[in-house]
Amino acid sequence: MNLERIATDFAGIKMKTPVMGASGTFGFGLEYKDFLDLKQVGAIISKGITPLPRAGNEGVRIAETPSGMLNCIGLENPGIDKFLSDILPKVRQEAPDTTFIANFSANTVEDYGVMAAKLDVDGIDGIEVNISCPNVKEGGIVFGTDPKAAAAVTESVKKHTKKSVIVKLSPNVTDITVMAKAVEDAGADAVALINTLTGMVIDTRTWKPLLGNITGGLSGPAVKPIALRMVWQVANTVKIPILGLGGICTGQDAVEFLLAGATAVAVGAENFVHPDAVVTVAEGIDNYLENRGLSHVSQLVGQLKA
């Protein structure tokens, strides 16, 4: 790869390539070291970190669907203290020069601020805020479906960190541009979209839901057209950078997201099919640029002729 041609600055976060490993599909990066060279990864986005350890949901947690998959893992993770004391040092030892972004969530606006403060440490290059979680103080409404709640979380996070703040948006809303504008006005440095779509599978042998949590998040190639449309809509609404994700499997897929207005992209479900996908997608972007006679990936961003 020609790293000069694809090196990217995303909301002040320097990356060797514009391709990240999406949260929840790339572990903490260490899980993939036997399958690819972590030095060639644009950025590792950690699996979701929460204030306390979580065991995740019981029962079946993953189901294959046509051109995709449903998951209801339930944010299984060791908690922020274990992450900071044990996992982050190992990541930095194994991949000292690879950009690392910490994804996290909480159940109250205040706890989002506490988490942001704890993650404001060396070794973390940026933070991704998962707002697809219930607000336990407001009757369980999901932060990511209420513009005021999403803005409140963003403001709380921004007050407690010097890191670049990426807010990850849920597609399970009537108008995603309203959510994007709300977090931009609240100070977000960038937005990521889309998170998974809510779906379900029914076991016709038992007449019961297949997933232990009944519903789960749909990801994979099936969601790509929806994700692409939403990225384009948001790109025409906000001025902050966009991280595009949702069904990206190839360099060609990534180029579509860049043309739609994303500055960088993340690979999710495809990591389970091809563990080196983060690197091959970056190579695909680089090959596309070379074939088109373009000198830098930034020449693609937002160039859709619509």
C-alpha atoms as a PDB file:
ATOM      1  CA  MET A   1       0.000   0.000   0.000  1.00  0.00           C
ATOM      2  CA  ASN A   2       1.002   3.574  -0.651  1.00  0.00           C
ATOM      3  CA  LEU A   3       0.474   4.914   2.867  1.00  0.00           C
ATOM      4  CA  GLU A   4       1.133   8.497   1.805  1.00  0.00           C
ATOM      5  CA  ARG A   5      -1.819   8.228  -0.561  1.00  0.00           C
ATOM      6  CA  ILE A   6      -4.262   6.933   2.047  1.00  0.00           C
ATOM      7  CA  ALA A   7      -3.037   8.463   5.338  1.00  0.00           C
ATOM      8  CA  THR A   8      -5.980  10.206   6.974  1.00  0.00           C
ATOM      9  CA  ASP A   9      -6.678  12.867   9.591  1.00  0.00           C
ATOM     10  CA  PHE A  10     -10.059  12.116  11.121  1.00  0.00           C
ATOM     11  CA  ALA A  11     -11.257  14.831  13.501  1.00  0.00           C
ATOM     12  CA  GLY A  12      -7.660  15.429  14.556  1.00  0.00           C
ATOM     13  CA  ILE A  13      -6.917  11.721  14.898  1.00  0.00           C
ATOM     14  CA  LYS A  14      -3.984  10.700  12.697  1.00  0.00           C
ATOM     15  CA  MET A  15      -4.315   7.335  10.950  1.00  0.00           C
ATOM     16  CA  LYS A  16      -2.127   5.417   8.509  1.00  0.00           C
ATOM     17  CA  THR A  17      -5.199   4.423   6.498  1.00  0.00           C
ATOM     18  CA  PRO A  18      -8.849   5.544   6.520  1.00  0.00           C
ATOM     19  CA  VAL A  19     -10.035   2.063   7.589  1.00  0.00           C
ATOM     20  CA  MET A  20     -10.821   1.158  11.198  1.00  0.00           C
ATOM     21  CA  GLY A  21     -11.874  -2.060  12.880  1.00  0.00           C
ATOM     22  CA  ALA A  22     -15.418  -1.386  14.078  1.00  0.00           C
ATOM     23  CA  SER A  23     -16.312  -1.655  17.745  1.00  0.00           C
ATOM     24  CA  GLY A  24     -17.649  -5.018  18.834  1.00  0.00           C
ATOM     25  CA  THR A  25     -16.130  -6.852  15.881  1.00  0.00           C
ATOM     26  CA  PHE A  26     -12.410  -6.234  16.422  1.00  0.00           C
ATOM     27  CA  GLY A  27     -12.067  -6.984  20.129  1.00  0.00           C
ATOM     28  CA  PHE A  28      -9.287  -4.824  21.540  1.00  0.00           C
ATOM     29  CA  GLY A  29      -7.175  -5.473  18.450  1.00  0.00           C
ATOM     30  CA  LEU A  30      -5.022  -8.110  20.119  1.00  0.00           C
ATOM     31  CA  GLU A  31      -7.422 -10.842  19.029  1.00  0.00           C
ATOM     32  CA  TYR A  32      -6.474 -10.189  15.384  1.00  0.00           C
ATOM     33  CA  LYS A  33      -2.691 -10.042  15.647  1.00  0.00           C
ATOM     34  CA  ASP A  34      -2.317 -13.582  14.256  1.00  0.00           C
ATOM     35  CA  PHE A  35      -4.337 -12.714  11.141  1.00  0.00           C
ATOM     36  CA  LEU A  36      -2.971  -9.350  10.060  1.00  0.00           C
ATOM     37  CA  ASP A  37      -0.248  -6.801  10.723  1.00  0.00           C
ATOM     38  CA  LEU A  38      -1.707  -4.351  13.246  1.00  0.00           C
ATOM     39  CA  LYS A  39       0.709  -1.723  11.892  1.00  0.00           C
ATOM     40  CA  GLN A  40      -1.384  -1.641   8.700  1.00  0.00           C
ATOM     41  CA  VAL A  41      -4.645  -0.951  10.520  1.00  0.00           C
ATOM     42  CA  GLY A  42      -5.922   2.609  10.278  1.00  0.00           C
ATOM     43  CA  ALA A  43      -7.367   2.450  13.786  1.00  0.00           C
ATOM     44  CA  ILE A  44      -8.587  -0.053  16.318  1.00  0.00           C
ATOM     45  CA  ILE A  45     -11.938   0.832  17.860  1.00  0.00           C
ATOM     46  CA  SER A  46     -12.276  -1.139  21.062  1.00  0.00           C
ATOM     47  CA  LYS A  47     -15.237  -3.274  21.959  1.00  0.00           C
ATOM     48  CA  GLY A  48     -17.693  -1.392  24.124  1.00  0.00           C
ATOM     49  CA  ILE A  49     -16.409  -0.568  27.604  1.00  0.00           C
ATOM     50  CA  THR A  50     -18.777   0.055  30.513  1.00  0.00           C
ATOM     51  CA  PRO A  51     -18.307   1.386  34.063  1.00  0.00           C
ATOM     52  CA  LEU A  52     -18.531  -2.109  35.583  1.00  0.00           C
ATOM     53  CA  PRO A  53     -17.793  -5.584  34.167  1.00  0.00           C
ATOM     54  CA  ARG A  54     -20.655  -7.115  32.194  1.00  0.00           C
ATOM     55  CA  ALA A  55     -21.263 -10.794  31.447  1.00  0.00           C
ATOM     56  CA  GLY A  56     -23.535 -10.036  28.510  1.00  0.00           C
ATOM     57  CA  ASN A  57     -26.871 -11.593  27.642  1.00  0.00           C
ATOM     58  CA  GLU A  58     -27.815 -15.194  28.301  1.00  0.00           C
ATOM     59  CA  GLY A  59     -28.907 -17.672  25.652  1.00  0.00           C
ATOM     60  CA  VAL A  60     -28.170 -17.562  21.927  1.00  0.00           C
ATOM     61  CA  ARG A  61     -26.382 -14.303  21.149  1.00  0.00           C
ATOM     62  CA  ILE A  62     -25.630 -14.532  17.408  1.00  0.00           C
ATOM     63  CA  ALA A  63     -27.825 -15.589  14.482  1.00  0.00           C
ATOM     64  CA  GLU A  64     -26.974 -15.674  10.791  1.00  0.00           C
ATOM     65  CA  THR A  65     -29.381 -13.857   8.470  1.00  0.00           C
ATOM     66  CA  PRO A  66     -29.490 -13.392   4.675  1.00  0.00           C
ATOM     67  CA  SER A  67     -26.416 -11.267   3.860  1.00  0.00           C
ATOM     68  CA  GLY A  68     -25.833 -10.427   7.491  1.00  0.00           C
ATOM     69  CA  MET A  69     -26.023 -11.349  11.137  1.00  0.00           C
ATOM     70  CA  LEU A  70     -27.947 -10.465  14.283  1.00  0.00           C
ATOM     71  CA  ASN A  71     -26.210 -10.130  17.616  1.00  0.00           C
ATOM     72  CA  CYS A  72     -27.322  -9.465  21.168  1.00  0.00           C
ATOM     73  CA  ILE A  73     -24.004  -9.849  22.955  1.00  0.00           C
ATOM     74  CA  GLY A  74     -25.066  -7.396  25.638  1.00  0.00           C
ATOM     75  CA  LEU A  75     -21.820  -5.403  25.872  1.00  0.00           C
ATOM     76  CA  GLU A  76     -19.845  -8.205  27.504  1.00  0.00           C
ATOM     77  CA  ASN A  77     -16.603  -6.608  28.705  1.00  0.00           C
ATOM     78  CA  PRO A  78     -14.249  -6.549  31.715  1.00  0.00           C
ATOM     79  CA  GLY A  79     -15.171  -3.002  32.784  1.00  0.00           C
ATOM     80  CA  ILE A  80     -13.182   0.197  32.516  1.00  0.00           C
ATOM     81  CA  ASP A  81     -10.799  -0.374  35.431  1.00  0.00           C
ATOM     82  CA  LYS A  82      -9.647  -3.764  34.116  1.00  0.00           C
ATOM     83  CA  PHE A  83      -9.366  -2.282  30.633  1.00  0.00           C
ATOM     84  CA  LEU A  84      -7.108   0.536  31.801  1.00  0.00           C
ATOM     85  CA  SER A  85      -4.924  -1.554  34.110  1.00  0.00           C
ATOM     86  CA  ASP A  86      -4.482  -4.721  32.043  1.00  0.00           C
ATOM     87  CA  ILE A  87      -5.709  -4.474  28.457  1.00  0.00           C
ATOM     88  CA  LEU A  88      -4.621  -1.027  27.265  1.00  0.00           C
ATOM     89  CA  PRO A  89      -0.946  -1.589  28.252  1.00  0.00           C
ATOM     90  CA  LYS A  90      -0.939  -4.872  26.312  1.00  0.00           C
ATOM     91  CA  VAL A  91      -2.448  -3.191  23.251  1.00  0.00           C
ATOM     92  CA  ARG A  92       0.180  -0.467  23.375  1.00  0.00           C
ATOM     93  CA  GLN A  93       2.969  -2.993  23.755  1.00  0.00           C
ATOM     94  CA  GLU A  94       1.753  -5.039  20.783  1.00  0.00           C
ATOM     95  CA  ALA A  95       0.803  -2.114  18.530  1.00  0.00           C
ATOM     96  CA  PRO A  96       2.522   1.032  19.841  1.00  0.00           C
ATOM     97  CA  ASP A  97       2.040   3.046  16.648  1.00  0.00           C
ATOM     98  CA  THR A  98      -1.485   1.984  15.757  1.00  0.00           C
ATOM     99  CA  THR A  99      -4.241   4.501  16.420  1.00  0.00           C
ATOM    100  CA  PHE A 100      -6.515   3.331  19.231  1.00  0.00           C
ATOM    101  CA  ILE A 101     -10.036   4.627  19.866  1.00  0.00           C
ATOM    102  CA  ALA A 102     -11.952   3.590  22.979  1.00  0.00           C
ATOM    103  CA  ASN A 103     -15.662   2.886  22.561  1.00  0.00           C
ATOM    104  CA  PHE A 104     -17.757   3.188  25.704  1.00  0.00           C
ATOM    105  CA  SER A 105     -21.282   3.546  27.055  1.00  0.00           C
ATOM    106  CA  ALA A 106     -23.101   4.180  30.312  1.00  0.00           C
ATOM    107  CA  ASN A 107     -26.629   4.378  31.692  1.00  0.00           C
ATOM    108  CA  THR A 108     -26.679   7.972  32.924  1.00  0.00           C
ATOM    109  CA  VAL A 109     -25.431  11.296  31.589  1.00  0.00           C
ATOM    110  CA  GLU A 110     -23.210  11.652  34.647  1.00  0.00           C
ATOM    111  CA  ASP A 111     -21.597   8.257  34.151  1.00  0.00           C
ATOM    112  CA  TYR A 112     -20.782   9.115  30.543  1.00  0.00           C
ATOM    113  CA  GLY A 113     -18.787  12.053  31.899  1.00  0.00           C
ATOM    114  CA  VAL A 114     -17.023   9.866  34.459  1.00  0.00           C
ATOM    115  CA  MET A 115     -16.101   7.357  31.767  1.00  0.00           C
ATOM    116  CA  ALA A 116     -14.763  10.080  29.481  1.00  0.00           C
ATOM    117  CA  ALA A 117     -12.555  11.417  32.268  1.00  0.00           C
ATOM    118  CA  LYS A 118     -11.137   7.968  33.030  1.00  0.00           C
ATOM    119  CA  LEU A 119     -10.355   7.386  29.354  1.00  0.00           C
ATOM    120  CA  ASP A 120      -8.541  10.719  29.005  1.00  0.00           C
ATOM    121  CA  VAL A 121      -5.146   9.024  29.275  1.00  0.00           C
ATOM    122  CA  ASP A 122      -2.044   8.377  27.203  1.00  0.00           C
ATOM    123  CA  GLY A 123      -2.410   5.489  24.784  1.00  0.00           C
ATOM    124  CA  ILE A 124      -5.918   6.434  23.726  1.00  0.00           C
ATOM    125  CA  ASP A 125      -6.127   8.621  20.618  1.00  0.00           C
ATOM    126  CA  GLY A 126      -9.856   9.291  20.597  1.00  0.00           C
ATOM    127  CA  ILE A 127     -13.135   8.107  22.083  1.00  0.00           C
ATOM    128  CA  GLU A 128     -16.270   6.770  20.433  1.00  0.00           C
ATOM    129  CA  VAL A 129     -19.462   7.290  22.412  1.00  0.00           C
ATOM    130  CA  ASN A 130     -22.113   4.605  22.077  1.00  0.00           C
ATOM    131  CA  ILE A 131     -25.457   6.303  22.754  1.00  0.00           C
ATOM    132  CA  SER A 132     -27.582   3.259  21.876  1.00  0.00           C
ATOM    133  CA  CYS A 133     -28.111   2.573  25.569  1.00  0.00           C
ATOM    134  CA  PRO A 134     -31.065   3.215  27.899  1.00  0.00           C
ATOM    135  CA  ASN A 135     -31.141   6.247  30.170  1.00  0.00           C
ATOM    136  CA  VAL A 136     -32.064   4.675  33.495  1.00  0.00           C
ATOM    137  CA  LYS A 137     -32.966   8.064  34.996  1.00  0.00           C
ATOM    138  CA  GLU A 138     -35.489   8.849  32.271  1.00  0.00           C
ATOM    139  CA  GLY A 139     -37.616   5.740  32.120  1.00  0.00           C
ATOM    140  CA  GLY A 140     -35.229   3.719  29.965  1.00  0.00           C
ATOM    141  CA  ILE A 141     -35.416   5.871  26.838  1.00  0.00           C
ATOM    142  CA  VAL A 142     -32.439   5.193  24.566  1.00  0.00           C
ATOM    143  CA  PHE A 143     -30.052   8.175  24.435  1.00  0.00           C
ATOM    144  CA  GLY A 144     -29.547   7.660  20.714  1.00  0.00           C
ATOM    145  CA  THR A 145     -33.229   8.128  19.835  1.00  0.00           C
ATOM    146  CA  ASP A 146     -33.756  11.409  21.695  1.00  0.00           C
ATOM    147  CA  PRO A 147     -31.942  14.520  20.382  1.00  0.00           C
ATOM    148  CA  LYS A 148     -31.940  16.245  23.786  1.00  0.00           C
ATOM    149  CA  ALA A 149     -30.607  13.169  25.561  1.00  0.00           C
ATOM    150  CA  ALA A 150     -27.930  12.629  22.902  1.00  0.00           C
ATOM    151  CA  ALA A 151     -26.884  16.275  23.198  1.00  0.00           C
ATOM    152  CA  ALA A 152     -26.718  16.012  26.999  1.00  0.00           C
ATOM    153  CA  VAL A 153     -24.430  12.979  26.780  1.00  0.00           C
ATOM    154  CA  THR A 154     -22.210  14.710  24.234  1.00  0.00           C
ATOM    155  CA  GLU A 155     -21.895  17.824  26.385  1.00  0.00           C
ATOM    156  CA  SER A 156     -21.046  15.742  29.447  1.00  0.00           C
ATOM    157  CA  VAL A 157     -18.361  13.804  27.583  1.00  0.00           C
ATOM    158  CA  LYS A 158     -16.825  16.924  26.056  1.00  0.00           C
ATOM    159  CA  LYS A 159     -16.506  18.552  29.489  1.00  0.00           C
ATOM    160  CA  HIS A 160     -14.464  15.625  30.784  1.00  0.00           C
ATOM    161  CA  THR A 161     -11.963  14.899  28.010  1.00  0.00           C
ATOM    162  CA  LYS A 162      -9.389  16.491  25.750  1.00  0.00           C
ATOM    163  CA  LYS A 163      -9.675  13.613  23.272  1.00  0.00           C
ATOM    164  CA  SER A 164     -11.511  13.860  19.974  1.00  0.00           C
ATOM    165  CA  VAL A 165     -15.101  12.778  20.598  1.00  0.00           C
ATOM    166  CA  ILE A 166     -16.893  10.618  18.022  1.00  0.00           C
ATOM    167  CA  VAL A 167     -20.589  10.037  18.706  1.00  0.00           C
ATOM    168  CA  LYS A 168     -21.929   6.796  17.236  1.00  0.00           C
ATOM    169  CA  LEU A 169     -25.467   7.235  15.933  1.00  0.00           C
ATOM    170  CA  SER A 170     -28.307   4.741  15.962  1.00  0.00           C
ATOM    171  CA  PRO A 171     -30.229   4.188  12.699  1.00  0.00           C
ATOM    172  CA  ASN A 172     -33.346   3.278  14.681  1.00  0.00           C
ATOM    173  CA  VAL A 173     -34.763   6.795  14.441  1.00  0.00           C
ATOM    174  CA  THR A 174     -37.188   8.672  12.216  1.00  0.00           C
ATOM    175  CA  ASP A 175     -34.621  11.195  10.978  1.00  0.00           C
ATOM    176  CA  ILE A 176     -30.940  10.564  11.610  1.00  0.00           C
ATOM    177  CA  THR A 177     -30.002  14.085  10.483  1.00  0.00           C
ATOM    178  CA  VAL A 178     -31.805  15.492  13.533  1.00  0.00           C
ATOM    179  CA  MET A 179     -29.644  13.334  15.796  1.00  0.00           C
ATOM    180  CA  ALA A 180     -26.460  14.247  13.939  1.00  0.00           C
ATOM    181  CA  LYS A 181     -27.192  17.970  14.167  1.00  0.00           C
ATOM    182  CA  ALA A 182     -28.026  17.669  17.870  1.00  0.00           C
ATOM    183  CA  VAL A 183     -24.670  16.117  18.776  1.00  0.00           C
ATOM    184  CA  GLU A 184     -22.775  18.459  16.449  1.00  0.00           C
ATOM    185  CA  ASP A 185     -24.349  21.473  18.177  1.00  0.00           C
ATOM    186  CA  ALA A 186     -23.443  19.895  21.535  1.00  0.00           C
ATOM    187  CA  GLY A 187     -19.765  19.806  20.584  1.00  0.00           C
ATOM    188  CA  ALA A 188     -19.109  16.414  18.984  1.00  0.00           C
ATOM    189  CA  ASP A 189     -15.923  16.370  16.922  1.00  0.00           C
ATOM    190  CA  ALA A 190     -17.272  13.675  14.591  1.00  0.00           C
ATOM    191  CA  VAL A 191     -20.116  11.220  14.151  1.00  0.00           C
ATOM    192  CA  ALA A 192     -20.053   7.518  13.310  1.00  0.00           C
ATOM    193  CA  LEU A 193     -22.902   5.837  11.493  1.00  0.00           C
ATOM    194  CA  ILE A 194     -24.565   3.536  11.418  1.00  0.00           C
ATOM    195  CA  ASN A 195     -24.871   1.387  14.503  1.00  0.00           C
ATOM    196  CA  THR A 196     -26.888  -1.805  14.033  1.00  0.00           C
ATOM    197  CA  LEU A 197     -30.539  -1.976  13.017  1.00  0.00           C
ATOM    198  CA  THR A 198     -32.906  -3.741  15.409  1.00  0.00           C
ATOM    199  CA  GLY A 199     -34.189  -7.098  14.150  1.00  0.00           C
ATOM    200  CA  MET A 200     -35.235 -10.562  15.244  1.00  0.00           C
ATOM    201  CA  VAL A 201     -35.324 -14.213  14.187  1.00  0.00           C
ATOM    202  CA  ILE A 202     -38.030 -16.751  15.116  1.00  0.00           C
ATOM    203  CA  ASP A 203     -37.338 -20.461  15.500  1.00  0.00           C
ATOM    204  CA  THR A 204     -40.254 -22.094  13.677  1.00  0.00           C
ATOM    205  CA  ARG A 205     -39.576 -25.444  15.368  1.00  0.00           C
ATOM    206  CA  THR A 206     -40.220 -24.051  18.835  1.00  0.00           C
ATOM    207  CA  TRP A 207     -42.242 -20.909  17.953  1.00  0.00           C
ATOM    208  CA  LYS A 208     -39.853 -18.969  20.141  1.00  0.00           C
ATOM    209  CA  PRO A 209     -37.381 -16.163  19.408  1.00  0.00           C
ATOM    210  CA  LEU A 210     -34.000 -17.632  18.454  1.00  0.00           C
ATOM    211  CA  LEU A 211     -32.020 -14.966  20.300  1.00  0.00           C
ATOM    212  CA  GLY A 212     -31.906 -15.021  24.060  1.00  0.00           C
ATOM    213  CA  ASN A 213     -32.630 -11.295  24.144  1.00  0.00           C
ATOM    214  CA  ILE A 214     -35.503 -11.705  21.599  1.00  0.00           C
ATOM    215  CA  THR A 215     -34.160  -8.870  19.417  1.00  0.00           C
ATOM    216  CA  GLY A 216     -30.643  -8.092  18.246  1.00  0.00           C
ATOM    217  CA  GLY A 217     -28.617  -5.745  16.104  1.00  0.00           C
ATOM    218  CA  LEU A 218     -28.487  -6.436  12.359  1.00  0.00           C
ATOM    219  CA  SER A 219     -25.166  -5.869  10.608  1.00  0.00           C
ATOM    220  CA  GLY A 220     -23.388  -7.037   7.463  1.00  0.00           C
ATOM    221  CA  PRO A 221     -23.908  -6.429   3.721  1.00  0.00           C
ATOM    222  CA  ALA A 222     -27.704  -6.332   4.120  1.00  0.00           C
ATOM    223  CA  VAL A 223     -27.532  -2.950   5.884  1.00  0.00           C
ATOM    224  CA  LYS A 224     -25.113  -1.268   3.469  1.00  0.00           C
ATOM    225  CA  PRO A 225     -27.664   0.572   1.275  1.00  0.00           C
ATOM    226  CA  ILE A 226     -29.348   1.995   4.381  1.00  0.00           C
ATOM    227  CA  ALA A 227     -26.047   3.007   5.943  1.00  0.00           C
ATOM    228  CA  LEU A 228     -24.879   4.613   2.715  1.00  0.00           C
ATOM    229  CA  ARG A 229     -28.086   6.636   2.420  1.00  0.00           C
ATOM    230  CA  MET A 230     -27.811   7.841   6.000  1.00  0.00           C
ATOM    231  CA  VAL A 231     -24.160   8.842   5.605  1.00  0.00           C
ATOM    232  CA  TRP A 232     -25.084  10.878   2.535  1.00  0.00           C
ATOM    233  CA  GLN A 233     -27.965  12.560   4.384  1.00  0.00           C
ATOM    234  CA  VAL A 234     -25.821  13.415   7.389  1.00  0.00           C
ATOM    235  CA  ALA A 235     -22.967  14.656   5.198  1.00  0.00           C
ATOM    236  CA  ASN A 236     -25.388  17.180   3.758  1.00  0.00           C
ATOM    237  CA  THR A 237     -26.465  18.278   7.234  1.00  0.00           C
ATOM    238  CA  VAL A 238     -23.361  18.597   9.429  1.00  0.00           C
ATOM    239  CA  LYS A 239     -19.888  20.050   8.990  1.00  0.00           C
ATOM    240  CA  ILE A 240     -18.024  17.650  11.263  1.00  0.00           C
ATOM    241  CA  PRO A 241     -16.310  14.517   9.870  1.00  0.00           C
ATOM    242  CA  ILE A 242     -18.220  11.270   9.424  1.00  0.00           C
ATOM    243  CA  LEU A 243     -17.046   7.728  10.092  1.00  0.00           C
ATOM    244  CA  GLY A 244     -19.057   5.525   7.750  1.00  0.00           C
ATOM    245  CA  LEU A 245     -19.836   1.907   8.524  1.00  0.00           C
ATOM    246  CA  GLY A 246     -22.444  -0.710   7.775  1.00  0.00           C
ATOM    247  CA  GLY A 247     -21.831  -3.669   5.483  1.00  0.00           C
ATOM    248  CA  ILE A 248     -18.404  -2.658   4.188  1.00  0.00           C
ATOM    249  CA  CYS A 249     -16.647  -5.727   2.805  1.00  0.00           C
ATOM    250  CA  THR A 250     -14.435  -4.446  -0.009  1.00  0.00           C
ATOM    251  CA  GLY A 251     -12.470  -1.419  -1.089  1.00  0.00           C
ATOM    252  CA  GLN A 252     -15.259  -0.654  -3.551  1.00  0.00           C
ATOM    253  CA  ASP A 253     -17.766  -0.545  -0.691  1.00  0.00           C
ATOM    254  CA  ALA A 254     -15.506   1.830   1.198  1.00  0.00           C
ATOM    255  CA  VAL A 255     -15.125   4.112  -1.811  1.00  0.00           C
ATOM    256  CA  GLU A 256     -18.921   4.427  -1.975  1.00  0.00           C
ATOM    257  CA  PHE A 257     -19.031   5.626   1.624  1.00  0.00           C
ATOM    258  CA  LEU A 258     -16.232   8.102   0.986  1.00  0.00           C
ATOM    259  CA  LEU A 259     -18.005   9.488  -2.058  1.00  0.00           C
ATOM    260  CA  ALA A 260     -21.189   9.794   0.009  1.00  0.00           C
ATOM    261  CA  GLY A 261     -19.336  12.024   2.476  1.00  0.00           C
ATOM    262  CA  ALA A 262     -17.491   9.860   4.986  1.00  0.00           C
ATOM    263  CA  THR A 263     -13.920  10.877   5.806  1.00  0.00           C
ATOM    264  CA  ALA A 264     -13.059   7.403   7.118  1.00  0.00           C
ATOM    265  CA  VAL A 265     -14.752   4.004   7.277  1.00  0.00           C
ATOM    266  CA  ALA A 266     -14.965   1.064   9.657  1.00  0.00           C
ATOM    267  CA  VAL A 267     -15.242  -2.643   8.861  1.00  0.00           C
ATOM    268  CA  GLY A 268     -17.504  -4.681  11.135  1.00  0.00           C
ATOM    269  CA  ALA A 269     -19.179  -8.013  10.405  1.00  0.00           C
ATOM    270  CA  GLU A 270     -16.778  -8.756   7.548  1.00  0.00           C
ATOM    271  CA  ASN A 271     -14.017  -9.246  10.140  1.00  0.00           C
ATOM    272  CA  PHE A 272     -15.727 -12.494  11.152  1.00  0.00           C
ATOM    273  CA  VAL A 273     -15.630 -13.767   7.564  1.00  0.00           C
ATOM    274  CA  HIS A 274     -12.192 -12.470   6.604  1.00  0.00           C
ATOM    275  CA  PRO A 275     -10.077 -11.539   9.662  1.00  0.00           C
ATOM    276  CA  ASP A 276      -7.736  -9.445   7.514  1.00  0.00           C
ATOM    277  CA  ALA A 277     -10.568  -7.360   6.037  1.00  0.00           C
ATOM    278  CA  VAL A 278      -9.437  -4.090   7.636  1.00  0.00           C
ATOM    279  CA  VAL A 279      -6.198  -4.335   5.661  1.00  0.00           C
ATOM    280  CA  THR A 280      -7.657  -5.663   2.390  1.00  0.00           C
ATOM    281  CA  VAL A 281     -10.286  -2.917   2.327  1.00  0.00           C
ATOM    282  CA  ALA A 282      -7.518  -0.314   2.727  1.00  0.00           C
ATOM    283  CA  GLU A 283      -5.590  -1.970  -0.082  1.00  0.00           C
ATOM    284  CA  GLY A 284      -8.717  -1.826  -2.221  1.00  0.00           C
ATOM    285  CA  ILE A 285      -9.057   1.909  -1.642  1.00  0.00           C
ATOM    286  CA  ASP A 286      -5.410   2.422  -2.521  1.00  0.00           C
ATOM    287  CA  ASN A 287      -5.765   0.391  -5.738  1.00  0.00           C
ATOM    288  CA  TYR A 288      -8.830   2.392  -6.697  1.00  0.00           C
ATOM    289  CA  LEU A 289      -6.957   5.667  -6.228  1.00  0.00           C
ATOM    290  CA  GLU A 290      -4.048   4.414  -8.318  1.00  0.00           C
ATOM    291  CA  ASN A 291      -6.318   3.214 -11.114  1.00  0.00           C
ATOM    292  CA  ARG A 292      -8.161   6.540 -11.173  1.00  0.00           C
ATOM    293  CA  GLY A 293      -4.948   8.563 -11.141  1.00  0.00           C
ATOM    294  CA  LEU A 294      -5.792  10.208  -7.798  1.00  0.00           C
ATOM    295  CA  SER A 295      -3.053  11.305  -5.437  1.00  0.00           C
ATOM    296  CA  HIS A 296      -4.886  11.168  -2.111  1.00  0.00           C
ATOM    297  CA  VAL A 297      -7.953   9.565  -0.559  1.00  0.00           C
ATOM    298  CA  SER A 298      -9.308  12.965   0.482  1.00  0.00           C
ATOM    299  CA  GLN A 299     -10.087  13.603  -3.196  1.00  0.00           C
ATOM    300  CA  LEU A 300     -12.976  11.122  -2.898  1.00  0.00           C
ATOM    301  CA  VAL A 301     -14.673  12.528   0.198  1.00  0.00           C
ATOM    302  CA  GLY A 302     -18.104  13.951  -0.524  1.00  0.00           C
ATOM    303  CA  GLN A 303     -17.674  13.905  -4.286  1.00  0.00           C
ATOM    304  CA  LEU A 304     -20.918  12.127  -5.069  1.00  0.00           C
ATOM    305  CA  LYS A 305     -22.467  13.683  -8.175  1.00  0.00           C
ATOM    306  CA  ALA A 306     -26.084  13.801  -7.063  1.00  0.00           C
END
